C-alpha atoms as a PDB file:
ATOM      1  CA  MET A   1      86.124 -50.273-162.771  1.00  0.00           C
ATOM      2  CA  THR A   2      87.273 -53.897-162.622  1.00  0.00           C
ATOM      3  CA  SER A   3      89.650 -54.772-159.848  1.00  0.00           C
ATOM      4  CA  ASN A   4      90.516 -58.367-160.751  1.00  0.00           C
ATOM      5  CA  LYS A   5      91.805 -59.254-164.195  1.00  0.00           C
ATOM      6  CA  ILE A   6      91.889 -63.006-164.840  1.00  0.00           C
ATOM      7  CA  LEU A   7      93.515 -64.694-167.823  1.00  0.00           C
ATOM      8  CA  VAL A   8      92.165 -68.080-168.917  1.00  0.00           C
ATOM      9  CA  ILE A   9      94.500 -69.851-171.359  1.00  0.00           C
ATOM     10  CA  ASP A  10      92.749 -72.905-172.790  1.00  0.00           C
ATOM     11  CA  ASP A  11      92.258 -74.155-176.344  1.00  0.00           C
ATOM     12  CA  THR A  12      88.708 -75.281-175.540  1.00  0.00           C
ATOM     13  CA  THR A  13      86.047 -72.572-175.773  1.00  0.00           C
ATOM     14  CA  VAL A  14      83.761 -74.530-173.423  1.00  0.00           C
ATOM     15  CA  VAL A  15      86.358 -74.434-170.617  1.00  0.00           C
ATOM     16  CA  ARG A  16      87.010 -70.704-171.064  1.00  0.00           C
ATOM     17  CA  VAL A  17      83.269 -69.935-170.972  1.00  0.00           C
ATOM     18  CA  LYS A  18      82.744 -72.311-168.029  1.00  0.00           C
ATOM     19  CA  VAL A  19      85.401 -70.517-165.951  1.00  0.00           C
ATOM     20  CA  ARG A  20      83.860 -67.128-166.785  1.00  0.00           C
ATOM     21  CA  GLU A  21      80.363 -68.315-165.797  1.00  0.00           C
ATOM     22  CA  MET A  22      81.501 -70.041-162.580  1.00  0.00           C
ATOM     23  CA  LEU A  23      83.230 -66.976-161.151  1.00  0.00           C
ATOM     24  CA  PRO A  24      81.103 -65.188-158.581  1.00  0.00           C
ATOM     25  CA  PRO A  25      79.490 -62.009-159.879  1.00  0.00           C
ATOM     26  CA  GLY A  26      81.575 -58.962-159.099  1.00  0.00           C
ATOM     27  CA  ASN A  27      84.580 -57.061-160.235  1.00  0.00           C
ATOM     28  CA  PHE A  28      86.121 -59.584-162.610  1.00  0.00           C
ATOM     29  CA  GLU A  29      87.428 -59.006-166.087  1.00  0.00           C
ATOM     30  CA  VAL A  30      88.175 -62.313-167.785  1.00  0.00           C
ATOM     31  CA  LEU A  31      90.496 -62.341-170.773  1.00  0.00           C
ATOM     32  CA  GLU A  32      90.722 -65.492-172.868  1.00  0.00           C
ATOM     33  CA  ALA A  33      93.576 -66.974-174.883  1.00  0.00           C
ATOM     34  CA  LYS A  34      93.145 -70.026-177.112  1.00  0.00           C
ATOM     35  CA  ASP A  35      96.832 -71.066-177.273  1.00  0.00           C
ATOM     36  CA  GLY A  36     100.119 -70.643-175.421  1.00  0.00           C
ATOM     37  CA  VAL A  37     101.538 -67.927-177.678  1.00  0.00           C
ATOM     38  CA  GLU A  38      98.430 -65.745-177.345  1.00  0.00           C
ATOM     39  CA  GLY A  39      98.390 -66.345-173.585  1.00  0.00           C
ATOM     40  CA  LEU A  40     102.048 -65.401-173.142  1.00  0.00           C
ATOM     41  CA  ASN A  41     101.495 -62.222-175.171  1.00  0.00           C
ATOM     42  CA  PHE A  42      98.611 -61.271-172.843  1.00  0.00           C
ATOM     43  CA  ILE A  43     100.779 -62.016-169.785  1.00  0.00           C
ATOM     44  CA  ARG A  44     103.485 -59.684-171.087  1.00  0.00           C
ATOM     45  CA  GLN A  45     101.028 -56.886-171.946  1.00  0.00           C
ATOM     46  CA  GLU A  46      98.580 -56.896-169.026  1.00  0.00           C
ATOM     47  CA  LYS A  47      98.710 -57.071-165.232  1.00  0.00           C
ATOM     48  CA  PHE A  48      96.688 -60.052-163.984  1.00  0.00           C
ATOM     49  CA  SER A  49      95.340 -61.017-160.575  1.00  0.00           C
ATOM     50  CA  LEU A  50      95.197 -64.683-161.615  1.00  0.00           C
ATOM     51  CA  ILE A  51      96.292 -66.901-164.511  1.00  0.00           C
ATOM     52  CA  MET A  52      94.491 -70.156-165.336  1.00  0.00           C
ATOM     53  CA  LEU A  53      96.688 -72.215-167.636  1.00  0.00           C
ATOM     54  CA  ASP A  54      95.805 -75.400-169.510  1.00  0.00           C
ATOM     55  CA  PHE A  55      98.832 -77.703-169.620  1.00  0.00           C
ATOM     56  CA  LEU A  56      98.207 -79.030-173.148  1.00  0.00           C
ATOM     57  CA  LEU A  57      97.989 -76.175-175.636  1.00  0.00           C
ATOM     58  CA  PRO A  58      98.663 -75.625-179.336  1.00  0.00           C
ATOM     59  CA  LYS A  59     101.511 -73.428-180.655  1.00  0.00           C
ATOM     60  CA  MET A  60     103.217 -73.264-177.244  1.00  0.00           C
ATOM     61  CA  SER A  61     102.481 -75.799-174.521  1.00  0.00           C
ATOM     62  CA  GLY A  62     101.321 -74.905-171.038  1.00  0.00           C
ATOM     63  CA  TRP A  63     104.629 -76.310-169.786  1.00  0.00           C
ATOM     64  CA  GLU A  64     106.539 -73.791-171.951  1.00  0.00           C
ATOM     65  CA  VAL A  65     104.299 -70.930-170.800  1.00  0.00           C
ATOM     66  CA  PHE A  66     104.844 -72.062-167.180  1.00  0.00           C
ATOM     67  CA  GLN A  67     108.624 -71.990-167.706  1.00  0.00           C
ATOM     68  CA  GLN A  68     108.405 -68.457-169.133  1.00  0.00           C
ATOM     69  CA  ILE A  69     106.353 -67.319-166.127  1.00  0.00           C
ATOM     70  CA  GLN A  70     108.802 -68.915-163.678  1.00  0.00           C
ATOM     71  CA  SER A  71     111.804 -67.290-165.350  1.00  0.00           C
ATOM     72  CA  GLN A  72     110.573 -63.761-164.588  1.00  0.00           C
ATOM     73  CA  PRO A  73     110.349 -62.690-160.915  1.00  0.00           C
ATOM     74  CA  GLU A  74     107.445 -60.276-161.454  1.00  0.00           C
ATOM     75  CA  LEU A  75     105.373 -62.960-163.209  1.00  0.00           C
ATOM     76  CA  ARG A  76     106.150 -65.666-160.610  1.00  0.00           C
ATOM     77  CA  LYS A  77     104.166 -63.617-158.062  1.00  0.00           C
ATOM     78  CA  ILE A  78     100.900 -63.910-160.020  1.00  0.00           C
ATOM     79  CA  PRO A  79      98.606 -66.632-158.596  1.00  0.00           C
ATOM     80  CA  LEU A  80      98.539 -69.544-161.050  1.00  0.00           C
ATOM     81  CA  VAL A  81      96.137 -72.443-161.544  1.00  0.00           C
ATOM     82  CA  ILE A  82      97.305 -75.176-163.913  1.00  0.00           C
ATOM     83  CA  MET A  83      94.451 -77.153-165.470  1.00  0.00           C
ATOM     84  CA  SER A  84      94.570 -80.549-167.132  1.00  0.00           C
ATOM     85  CA  GLY A  85      92.394 -83.560-167.703  1.00  0.00           C
ATOM     86  CA  ARG A  86      95.496 -85.736-167.249  1.00  0.00           C
ATOM     87  CA  LYS A  87      97.298 -84.987-164.003  1.00  0.00           C
ATOM     88  CA  GLU A  88     100.071 -87.454-164.835  1.00  0.00           C
ATOM     89  CA  GLU A  89     101.222 -85.195-167.691  1.00  0.00           C
ATOM     90  CA  VAL A  90     101.678 -82.358-165.193  1.00  0.00           C
ATOM     91  CA  THR A  91     103.416 -84.531-162.589  1.00  0.00           C
ATOM     92  CA  GLU A  92     105.885 -85.786-165.224  1.00  0.00           C
ATOM     93  CA  LYS A  93     107.252 -82.235-165.483  1.00  0.00           C
ATOM     94  CA  LEU A  94     106.349 -80.857-162.046  1.00  0.00           C
ATOM     95  CA  PRO A  95     106.480 -83.378-159.199  1.00  0.00           C
ATOM     96  CA  GLU A  96     104.092 -83.114-156.270  1.00  0.00           C
ATOM     97  CA  PRO A  97     103.649 -81.441-153.872  1.00  0.00           C
ATOM     98  CA  PHE A  98     103.040 -78.524-156.207  1.00  0.00           C
ATOM     99  CA  GLU A  99     104.707 -75.310-155.099  1.00  0.00           C
ATOM    100  CA  GLY A 100     103.868 -71.871-156.406  1.00  0.00           C
ATOM    101  CA  PHE A 101     100.704 -72.925-158.223  1.00  0.00           C
ATOM    102  CA  GLU A 102      97.544 -74.944-157.728  1.00  0.00           C
ATOM    103  CA  PHE A 103      96.435 -77.874-159.896  1.00  0.00           C
ATOM    104  CA  LEU A 104      92.815 -78.187-161.100  1.00  0.00           C
ATOM    105  CA  GLY A 105      91.753 -81.429-162.760  1.00  0.00           C
ATOM    106  CA  LYS A 106      89.274 -81.345-165.640  1.00  0.00           C
ATOM    107  CA  PRO A 107      86.352 -81.614-165.604  1.00  0.00           C
ATOM    108  CA  PHE A 108      85.693 -79.445-162.556  1.00  0.00           C
ATOM    109  CA  ASP A 109      82.742 -77.860-160.806  1.00  0.00           C
ATOM    110  CA  GLN A 110      82.341 -74.385-159.323  1.00  0.00           C
ATOM    111  CA  LYS A 111      83.399 -75.470-155.830  1.00  0.00           C
ATOM    112  CA  GLN A 112      86.604 -77.054-157.166  1.00  0.00           C
ATOM    113  CA  LEU A 113      87.335 -73.979-159.304  1.00  0.00           C
ATOM    114  CA  LEU A 114      86.907 -71.543-156.421  1.00  0.00           C
ATOM    115  CA  GLY A 115      88.936 -73.804-154.108  1.00  0.00           C
ATOM    116  CA  ALA A 116      91.790 -73.929-156.632  1.00  0.00           C
ATOM    117  CA  ILE A 117      91.726 -70.142-157.037  1.00  0.00           C
ATOM    118  CA  LYS A 118      91.863 -69.603-153.247  1.00  0.00           C
ATOM    119  CA  ALA A 119      94.705 -72.120-152.901  1.00  0.00           C
ATOM    120  CA  ALA A 120      96.632 -70.454-155.755  1.00  0.00           C
ATOM    121  CA  MET A 121      96.203 -67.048-154.069  1.00  0.00           C
ATOM    122  CA  THR A 122      97.571 -68.478-150.817  1.00  0.00           C
ATOM    123  CA  LYS A 123     100.511 -70.195-152.527  1.00  0.00           C
ATOM    124  CA  ALA A 124     101.401 -67.021-154.434  1.00  0.00           C
ATOM    125  CA  LYS A 125     101.824 -65.156-151.126  1.00  0.00           C
ATOM    126  CA  GLN A 126     104.217 -67.737-149.694  1.00  0.00           C
ATOM    127  CA  PRO A 127     107.917 -66.963-150.032  1.00  0.00           C
ATOM    128  CA  ARG A 128     109.703 -69.036-152.640  1.00  0.00           C
ATOM    129  CA  PRO A 129     113.380 -69.114-153.436  1.00  0.00           C
ATOM    130  CA  GLU A 130     114.289 -67.262-156.596  1.00  0.00           C
ATOM    131  CA  PRO A 131     115.733 -69.443-159.335  1.00  0.00           C
ATOM    132  CA  THR A 132     119.477 -68.913-159.155  1.00  0.00           C
ATOM    133  CA  PRO A 133     121.449 -68.608-162.365  1.00  0.00           C
ATOM    134  CA  VAL A 134     123.990 -71.397-162.546  1.00  0.00           C
ATOM    135  CA  ALA A 135     127.517 -70.914-163.808  1.00  0.00           C
ATOM    136  CA  THR A 136     128.023 -72.723-167.084  1.00  0.00           C
ATOM    137  CA  PRO A 137     131.361 -74.535-167.008  1.00  0.00           C
ATOM    138  CA  THR A 138     132.346 -76.256-170.224  1.00  0.00           C
ATOM    139  CA  ASN A 139     133.314 -79.866-170.674  1.00  0.00           C
ATOM    140  CA  ASN A 140     136.183 -81.244-172.770  1.00  0.00           C
ATOM    141  CA  ASN A 141     134.142 -80.913-175.960  1.00  0.00           C
ATOM    142  CA  GLY A 142     133.475 -77.225-175.337  1.00  0.00           C
ATOM    143  CA  ALA A 143     129.783 -77.835-174.546  1.00  0.00           C
ATOM    144  CA  THR A 144     128.399 -76.128-171.462  1.00  0.00           C
ATOM    145  CA  ALA A 145     127.078 -78.210-168.589  1.00  0.00           C
ATOM    146  CA  THR A 146     123.607 -76.847-169.343  1.00  0.00           C
ATOM    147  CA  GLU A 147     123.860 -78.065-172.951  1.00  0.00           C
ATOM    148  CA  ALA A 148     125.094 -81.470-171.760  1.00  0.00           C
ATOM    149  CA  ILE A 149     122.186 -81.715-169.304  1.00  0.00           C
ATOM    150  CA  ALA A 150     119.728 -80.611-171.994  1.00  0.00           C
ATOM    151  CA  THR A 151     121.086 -83.282-174.326  1.00  0.00           C
ATOM    152  CA  THR A 152     120.886 -85.891-171.583  1.00  0.00           C
ATOM    153  CA  SER A 153     117.365 -84.918-170.594  1.00  0.00           C
ATOM    154  CA  SER A 154     116.327 -84.923-174.265  1.00  0.00           C
ATOM    155  CA  ALA A 155     117.806 -88.392-174.656  1.00  0.00           C
ATOM    156  CA  ASP A 156     115.981 -89.487-171.482  1.00  0.00           C
ATOM    157  CA  GLN A 157     112.741 -88.006-172.801  1.00  0.00           C
ATOM    158  CA  ILE A 158     113.194 -89.768-176.147  1.00  0.00           C
ATOM    159  CA  GLN A 159     113.887 -93.049-174.356  1.00  0.00           C
ATOM    160  CA  ALA A 160     110.779 -92.590-172.187  1.00  0.00           C
ATOM    161  CA  LEU A 161     108.677 -91.789-175.269  1.00  0.00           C
ATOM    162  CA  ASN A 162     110.037 -94.857-177.090  1.00  0.00           C
ATOM    163  CA  GLU A 163     109.097 -97.005-174.091  1.00  0.00           C
ATOM    164  CA  LYS A 164     105.586 -95.526-174.091  1.00  0.00           C
ATOM    165  CA  ILE A 165     105.299 -96.185-177.832  1.00  0.00           C
ATOM    166  CA  ALA A 166     106.320 -99.821-177.293  1.00  0.00           C
ATOM    167  CA  VAL A 167     103.666-100.232-174.577  1.00  0.00           C
ATOM    168  CA  MET A 168     101.003 -98.583-176.738  1.00  0.00           C
ATOM    169  CA  GLN A 169     101.978-100.751-179.733  1.00  0.00           C
ATOM    170  CA  ALA A 170     101.600-103.870-177.583  1.00  0.00           C
ATOM    171  CA  GLU A 171      98.151-102.656-176.499  1.00  0.00           C
ATOM    172  CA  ILE A 172      97.187-101.980-180.134  1.00  0.00           C
ATOM    173  CA  ASP A 173      98.364-105.461-181.168  1.00  0.00           C
ATOM    174  CA  GLY A 174      96.308-106.984-178.340  1.00  0.00           C
ATOM    175  CA  LEU A 175      93.231-105.045-179.417  1.00  0.00           C
ATOM    176  CA  LYS A 176      93.699-106.111-183.044  1.00  0.00           C
ATOM    177  CA  LYS A 177      93.876-109.736-181.934  1.00  0.00           C
ATOM    178  CA  GLN A 178      90.700-109.354-179.865  1.00  0.00           C
ATOM    179  CA  LEU A 179      88.940-107.664-182.787  1.00  0.00           C
ATOM    180  CA  ALA A 180      89.949-110.516-185.105  1.00  0.00           C
ATOM    181  CA  GLN A 181      88.557-113.007-182.586  1.00  0.00           C
ATOM    182  CA  VAL A 182      85.262-111.094-182.360  1.00  0.00           C
ATOM    183  CA  VAL A 183      84.978-110.923-186.162  1.00  0.00           C
ATOM    184  CA  THR A 184      85.671-114.673-186.437  1.00  0.00           C
ATOM    185  CA  PHE A 185      83.073-115.390-183.763  1.00  0.00           C
ATOM    186  CA  ILE A 186      80.464-113.240-185.512  1.00  0.00           C
ATOM    187  CA  LYS A 187      81.186-114.886-188.871  1.00  0.00           C
ATOM    188  CA  GLN A 188      80.700-118.317-187.283  1.00  0.00           C
ATOM    189  CA  LYS A 189      77.372-117.249-185.755  1.00  0.00           C
ATOM    190  CA  ILE A 190      76.135-115.854-189.082  1.00  0.00           C
ATOM    191  CA  LYS A 191      76.750-119.157-190.928  1.00  0.00           C
END
């Protein structure tokens, strides 16, 4: 009988297989989910010893799955490893030092995987304050403070995304200019 049930939520088959193969032989049952919705359904149906969660997932992001886990006291106790190839995307939502979960950067080797699992197990045992429900006073427009904050944070997120788009557009324009210069240079050499 298996004693440790591990859920690996990742949209990449290679990563799911890699985790399964890197675990030491023994009493492990590894369940795999290819997107956030499937992973959350597993979490609600099964009792896991560990959850490994990719931060960028289709259908429901790892961030949304993380929020669902954190909102339920019984799920918050499950050791959690968040995986991502881009740590900055995790730190945008969850500032360091990470509490309650361990971060594992992709790609990773067996030693890094096992280290992250051990660290997640240790962090899961540490006491953490329960999220406290906040009273929702309304403002003059009848909107709750939570709605006002959500609107503000959405506006902030949109502003941040627009700034990123502007930076990326500038980079694209620079690359186009360089490409045009290379093409001109090659045409001159061909003549």
